[in-house]
Amino acid sequence: EVQLVESGGGLVQAGGSLRLSCAFSGFTFNDYAIGWFRQDPGKERVGLSLISRSDGTTYYTDSVKGRFTISRDNTWTTVYLQMSGLKPEDTAVYYCAADSLWDPTADYAGLVPENFDYWGQGTQVTVSS
């Protein structure tokens, strides 16, 4: 059974940092990508960053470039999202997800939630001003 579990959310002051973790298991895919997304209540889920299993390539949405860093552990069982310079507008529920049909040779199509077929339950991040 595929599982993804996020952790590390919490309350932080503006300008602070948090590291989110996404522990995953049950993967039997030839290749995959792990992405981080966030969602405000009543708004659409927005992609933040992605890391490719096969070659480690990373992608970031413009709003988090230079502030957020995606990485993984050596055993490829946990992916992290290091967030710094947090702003109140970063407040949201953060999700990690897996794209089990990831093709590293295809043109990058962006962080499209519909391309990710397995999701964690989310972790709340609240940034106070």
Foldseek 3Di string as FASTA:
>chain_A
DKAWAKDWADEAAAQAKTKMKIFIDDDPFPWKKKWKWWDDPPDDIGTAKMATPPPRDMDGDPVCPPFWDWDADPVRRMIMIIGGNDDQVVWTWMKMFMQRPDDPVDDDPDDDVVNTDGIHPTDTHGYHD
